[in-house]
Amino acid sequence: MKLNFNPGIQNQIFHAYRINQSAAAKTGKAAGTQAQESRTDLAVISHQGRKGSLIETLMKQKMSITDQKNSLISSAKKDGRSMDSIKPQIEAYEKQLKEIDQQMTEVMAKEMEKQAEKSKKNDEPKTEQEIENQRLANVMDLSQGLEKAETVDSVKMRVDGEARVLKSEIKLDKMYKSSTEMAADVSDKEKKLAELEKKSAELLSDIGEIVAESAEKAKEQNETAASKEKEESGGDQMADFWENAIEKGTEPEESNE
């Protein structure tokens, strides 16, 4: 299997992609201006992202876009708007999520390609089949890690959705209930909200750890394979040395140093 990458991935991993901000403006996240629902802004991963985990950065951006999409749907339902009225925005979000998934796949594949190339720099390189098997194993490890991260992400989405509902209920309670009723209900709901927000943060951290662990595991596998190759190559060279010495009828002199 030959891993091919488009020129954009080869020359610049940090892609620029569009993130729709209409939902953020609708819910107050983009304060200051009244944005139209069809407006989009260009977001580029900054150079600071290079210092951390690119995969983790992409995962966080994916979650952010997912949250914005869910917020748009929730807002439309509350306003009594049909799903058809926000269909263009939803499709835009889905396209962005698909692009991020593709980018994550390409970044991971490129990293595996780089690691595989390192294993070739030995006196006795692996066969093409062995290199291919190692690549497949590494990609499989990363794929499984990503699937696990996706599962945790789905849990986080449910937690975030419940938190948004609670926020709305607290707001309505403060507006329409009497002081006595409101105090008790709001207190309980605010405690629950705090727990949900804490859980969401923990899940986000778990996702980052899962992805980082998968990438580190693949890296260690490549380094172990390369080290093993080097040892085997060194052993073969020593065997040749002694064989030549025996053919000449002499033994190599041992160093007295």
Protein backbone atom coordinates (compact mmCIF):
# COMPACT_ATOMS: atom_id res chain seq x y z
CA MET A 1 0.00 0.00 0.00
CA LYS A 2 1.44 3.34 -1.03
CA LEU A 3 0.33 6.31 1.03
CA ASN A 4 -0.15 9.29 -1.26
CA PHE A 5 -0.66 12.81 0.00
CA ASN A 6 -1.91 15.85 -1.82
CA PRO A 7 0.54 18.77 -2.27
CA GLY A 8 -1.13 20.73 0.50
CA ILE A 9 -0.36 18.01 3.03
CA GLN A 10 3.20 17.55 1.78
CA ASN A 11 4.05 21.23 1.87
CA GLN A 12 1.92 22.47 4.73
CA ILE A 13 0.19 20.29 7.32
CA PHE A 14 -1.49 23.22 8.91
CA HIS A 15 -4.44 23.72 6.59
CA ALA A 16 -6.74 26.67 6.64
CA TYR A 17 -10.39 25.77 6.67
CA ARG A 18 -13.61 27.65 7.06
CA ILE A 19 -15.52 27.73 10.35
CA ASN A 20 -19.06 29.04 10.20
CA GLN A 21 -19.67 31.66 12.89
CA SER A 22 -23.39 32.29 12.36
CA ALA A 23 -24.42 30.16 15.35
CA ALA A 24 -21.82 31.79 17.56
CA ALA A 25 -23.17 35.22 16.64
CA LYS A 26 -26.72 33.97 17.23
CA THR A 27 -25.96 32.81 20.76
CA GLY A 28 -23.77 35.72 21.76
CA LYS A 29 -20.40 34.06 21.35
CA ALA A 30 -19.42 36.56 18.68
CA ALA A 31 -20.25 39.76 20.50
CA GLY A 32 -20.09 43.19 18.98
CA THR A 33 -21.68 42.79 15.54
CA GLN A 34 -24.94 41.43 14.14
CA ALA A 35 -23.69 38.73 11.79
CA GLN A 36 -25.79 37.16 9.05
CA GLU A 37 -26.38 33.41 9.27
CA SER A 38 -24.64 32.82 5.97
CA ARG A 39 -21.45 34.62 6.97
CA THR A 40 -18.30 32.51 7.36
CA ASP A 41 -14.88 33.41 8.70
CA LEU A 42 -11.54 31.88 7.88
CA ALA A 43 -9.74 30.22 10.76
CA VAL A 44 -6.14 29.12 10.51
CA ILE A 45 -4.24 27.02 12.99
CA SER A 46 -1.61 29.39 14.38
CA HIS A 47 2.06 28.61 14.69
CA GLN A 48 1.48 28.08 18.39
CA GLY A 49 -0.38 24.92 17.45
CA ARG A 50 2.91 23.49 16.24
CA LYS A 51 4.15 23.42 19.83
CA GLY A 52 1.38 21.11 20.96
CA SER A 53 -0.42 18.17 19.49
CA LEU A 54 -1.86 18.93 16.07
CA ILE A 55 -4.28 16.04 16.34
CA GLU A 56 -5.52 17.29 19.70
CA THR A 57 -5.93 20.78 18.24
CA LEU A 58 -7.97 19.42 15.34
CA MET A 59 -10.09 17.36 17.73
CA LYS A 60 -10.85 20.43 19.83
CA GLN A 61 -11.82 22.39 16.71
CA LYS A 62 -14.06 19.54 15.62
CA MET A 63 -15.80 19.65 18.99
CA SER A 64 -16.17 23.41 18.73
CA ILE A 65 -17.83 23.16 15.31
CA THR A 66 -20.08 20.36 16.56
CA ASP A 67 -21.13 22.48 19.52
CA GLN A 68 -21.89 25.41 17.20
CA LYS A 69 -23.98 23.18 14.96
CA ASN A 70 -25.94 21.83 17.91
CA SER A 71 -26.40 25.34 19.27
CA LEU A 72 -27.79 26.50 15.92
CA ILE A 73 -30.28 23.62 15.87
CA SER A 74 -31.33 24.31 19.46
CA SER A 75 -31.74 28.01 18.73
CA ALA A 76 -33.84 27.30 15.64
CA LYS A 77 -36.15 25.01 17.59
CA LYS A 78 -36.65 27.57 20.33
CA ASP A 79 -37.45 30.25 17.75
CA GLY A 80 -39.92 27.97 16.00
CA ARG A 81 -37.92 27.85 12.79
CA SER A 82 -37.94 24.79 10.57
CA MET A 83 -34.83 22.72 9.92
CA ASP A 84 -35.07 23.65 6.25
CA SER A 85 -34.44 27.28 7.15
CA ILE A 86 -31.02 26.42 8.58
CA LYS A 87 -30.19 23.61 6.17
CA PRO A 88 -27.40 25.58 4.37
CA GLN A 89 -25.67 26.31 7.67
CA ILE A 90 -25.99 22.70 8.84
CA GLU A 91 -24.55 21.45 5.56
CA ALA A 92 -21.67 23.90 5.91
CA TYR A 93 -20.91 22.56 9.39
CA GLU A 94 -21.05 18.97 8.15
CA LYS A 95 -18.64 19.80 5.34
CA GLN A 96 -16.20 21.38 7.80
CA LEU A 97 -16.38 18.35 10.09
CA LYS A 98 -15.70 16.05 7.16
CA GLU A 99 -12.70 18.15 6.11
CA ILE A 100 -11.27 18.02 9.64
CA ASP A 101 -11.69 14.22 9.74
CA GLN A 102 -9.85 13.98 6.42
CA GLN A 103 -7.11 16.28 7.65
CA MET A 104 -6.64 14.23 10.82
CA THR A 105 -6.36 11.05 8.76
CA GLU A 106 -3.78 12.61 6.44
CA VAL A 107 -1.73 14.05 9.29
CA MET A 108 -1.60 10.69 11.04
CA ALA A 109 -0.75 8.87 7.82
CA LYS A 110 2.03 11.34 7.08
CA GLU A 111 3.45 10.86 10.56
CA MET A 112 3.44 7.11 10.03
CA GLU A 113 5.16 7.61 6.68
CA LYS A 114 7.90 9.66 8.35
CA GLN A 115 8.37 7.05 11.06
CA ALA A 116 8.54 4.27 8.47
CA GLU A 117 11.20 6.19 6.53
CA LYS A 118 13.35 6.39 9.66
CA SER A 119 13.34 2.61 9.95
CA LYS A 120 14.95 2.36 6.50
CA LYS A 121 18.12 4.14 7.65
CA ASN A 122 19.90 0.95 8.76
CA ASP A 123 22.68 -1.20 7.29
CA GLU A 124 20.19 -4.02 6.81
CA PRO A 125 16.82 -2.42 6.05
CA LYS A 126 13.54 -4.23 6.33
CA THR A 127 11.94 -5.80 3.31
CA GLU A 128 9.17 -3.84 1.64
CA GLN A 129 6.63 -6.31 3.01
CA GLU A 130 7.89 -5.87 6.58
CA ILE A 131 7.76 -2.09 6.25
CA GLU A 132 4.24 -2.33 4.86
CA ASN A 133 3.13 -4.58 7.72
CA GLN A 134 4.55 -2.12 10.25
CA ARG A 135 2.75 0.77 8.57
CA LEU A 136 -0.53 -1.10 8.63
CA ALA A 137 -0.10 -1.98 12.31
CA ASN A 138 0.66 1.63 13.22
CA VAL A 139 -2.24 3.02 11.21
CA MET A 140 -4.52 0.44 12.85
CA ASP A 141 -3.38 1.54 16.32
CA LEU A 142 -4.06 5.17 15.50
CA SER A 143 -7.41 4.30 13.94
CA GLN A 144 -8.49 2.43 17.07
CA GLY A 145 -7.38 5.34 19.24
CA LEU A 146 -9.35 7.73 17.07
CA GLU A 147 -12.46 5.55 17.30
CA LYS A 148 -12.13 5.54 21.08
CA ALA A 149 -11.76 9.32 21.04
CA GLU A 150 -14.88 9.59 18.87
CA THR A 151 -16.82 7.53 21.41
CA VAL A 152 -15.74 9.80 24.25
CA ASP A 153 -16.57 12.79 22.07
CA SER A 154 -20.15 11.54 21.63
CA VAL A 155 -20.49 11.30 25.42
CA LYS A 156 -19.16 14.84 25.76
CA MET A 157 -21.71 16.07 23.23
CA ARG A 158 -24.55 14.61 25.31
CA VAL A 159 -23.14 16.16 28.47
CA ASP A 160 -22.80 19.55 26.76
CA GLY A 161 -26.34 19.27 25.42
CA GLU A 162 -27.72 18.59 28.88
CA ALA A 163 -25.73 21.54 30.23
CA ARG A 164 -27.22 23.87 27.60
CA VAL A 165 -30.74 22.74 28.54
CA LEU A 166 -30.03 23.42 32.21
CA LYS A 167 -28.72 26.89 31.42
CA SER A 168 -31.94 27.68 29.57
CA GLU A 169 -34.07 26.34 32.43
CA ILE A 170 -32.15 28.40 34.98
CA LYS A 171 -32.65 31.50 32.89
CA LEU A 172 -36.40 30.88 32.59
CA ASP A 173 -36.72 30.11 36.31
CA LYS A 174 -35.15 33.44 37.18
CA MET A 175 -37.50 35.25 34.81
CA TYR A 176 -40.85 33.68 35.64
CA LYS A 177 -40.77 31.97 39.03
CA SER A 178 -41.28 33.59 42.40
CA SER A 179 -38.25 34.26 44.56
CA THR A 180 -38.99 31.34 46.89
CA GLU A 181 -39.57 28.81 44.13
CA MET A 182 -36.70 30.14 42.07
CA ALA A 183 -34.12 30.01 44.85
CA ALA A 184 -34.53 26.28 45.49
CA ASP A 185 -34.83 25.21 41.86
CA VAL A 186 -32.00 27.37 40.60
CA SER A 187 -29.67 26.26 43.37
CA ASP A 188 -30.13 22.59 42.52
CA LYS A 189 -29.83 23.19 38.80
CA GLU A 190 -26.71 25.32 39.16
CA LYS A 191 -25.04 22.54 41.15
CA LYS A 192 -25.96 20.06 38.45
CA LEU A 193 -24.71 22.45 35.78
CA ALA A 194 -21.35 22.81 37.54
CA GLU A 195 -21.02 19.02 37.64
CA LEU A 196 -21.80 18.74 33.93
CA GLU A 197 -19.29 21.43 33.00
CA LYS A 198 -16.62 19.70 35.08
CA LYS A 199 -17.44 16.39 33.41
CA SER A 200 -17.22 18.00 29.97
CA ALA A 201 -13.75 19.36 30.74
CA GLU A 202 -12.62 15.94 31.97
CA LEU A 203 -13.90 14.27 28.80
CA LEU A 204 -12.07 16.81 26.65
CA SER A 205 -8.87 16.01 28.53
CA ASP A 206 -9.49 12.28 28.09
CA ILE A 207 -9.84 12.72 24.34
CA GLY A 208 -6.52 14.53 24.10
CA GLU A 209 -4.80 11.83 26.16
CA ILE A 210 -6.26 9.02 24.05
CA VAL A 211 -5.04 10.54 20.80
CA ALA A 212 -1.62 11.42 22.23
CA GLU A 213 -1.23 7.92 23.67
CA SER A 214 -2.07 6.30 20.33
CA ALA A 215 0.45 8.45 18.49
CA GLU A 216 3.15 7.78 21.11
CA LYS A 217 2.50 4.04 20.96
CA ALA A 218 2.94 4.02 17.19
CA LYS A 219 6.15 6.04 17.53
CA GLU A 220 7.56 3.59 20.09
CA GLN A 221 6.72 0.65 17.85
CA ASN A 222 8.70 2.18 15.00
CA GLU A 223 11.66 3.00 17.24
CA THR A 224 11.69 -0.55 18.63
CA ALA A 225 11.59 -2.03 15.14
CA ALA A 226 14.43 0.21 13.99
CA SER A 227 16.53 -0.70 17.05
CA LYS A 228 15.97 -4.40 16.44
CA GLU A 229 17.06 -4.05 12.84
CA LYS A 230 20.25 -2.30 13.90
CA GLU A 231 21.10 -5.03 16.41
CA GLU A 232 20.54 -7.76 13.82
CA SER A 233 22.71 -5.88 11.33
CA GLY A 234 25.50 -5.54 13.90
CA GLY A 235 25.34 -9.26 14.68
CA ASP A 236 25.68 -10.17 11.01
CA GLN A 237 28.74 -7.94 10.65
CA MET A 238 30.46 -9.61 13.64
CA ALA A 239 29.73 -13.05 12.21
CA ASP A 240 31.32 -12.06 8.90
CA PHE A 241 34.36 -10.73 10.77
CA TRP A 242 35.00 -14.02 12.55
CA GLU A 243 34.34 -16.05 9.43
CA ASN A 244 36.99 -14.12 7.49
CA ALA A 245 39.47 -14.50 10.33
CA ILE A 246 38.97 -18.28 10.44
CA GLU A 247 39.44 -18.57 6.68
CA LYS A 248 42.82 -16.84 7.03
CA GLY A 249 43.82 -19.22 9.81
CA THR A 250 44.16 -16.52 12.42
CA GLU A 251 42.07 -15.13 15.19
CA PRO A 252 41.60 -11.40 15.73
CA GLU A 253 43.89 -10.03 18.39
CA GLU A 254 42.15 -8.89 21.52
CA SER A 255 42.82 -5.35 22.61
CA ASN A 256 44.81 -5.00 25.84
CA GLU A 257 43.35 -1.61 26.46
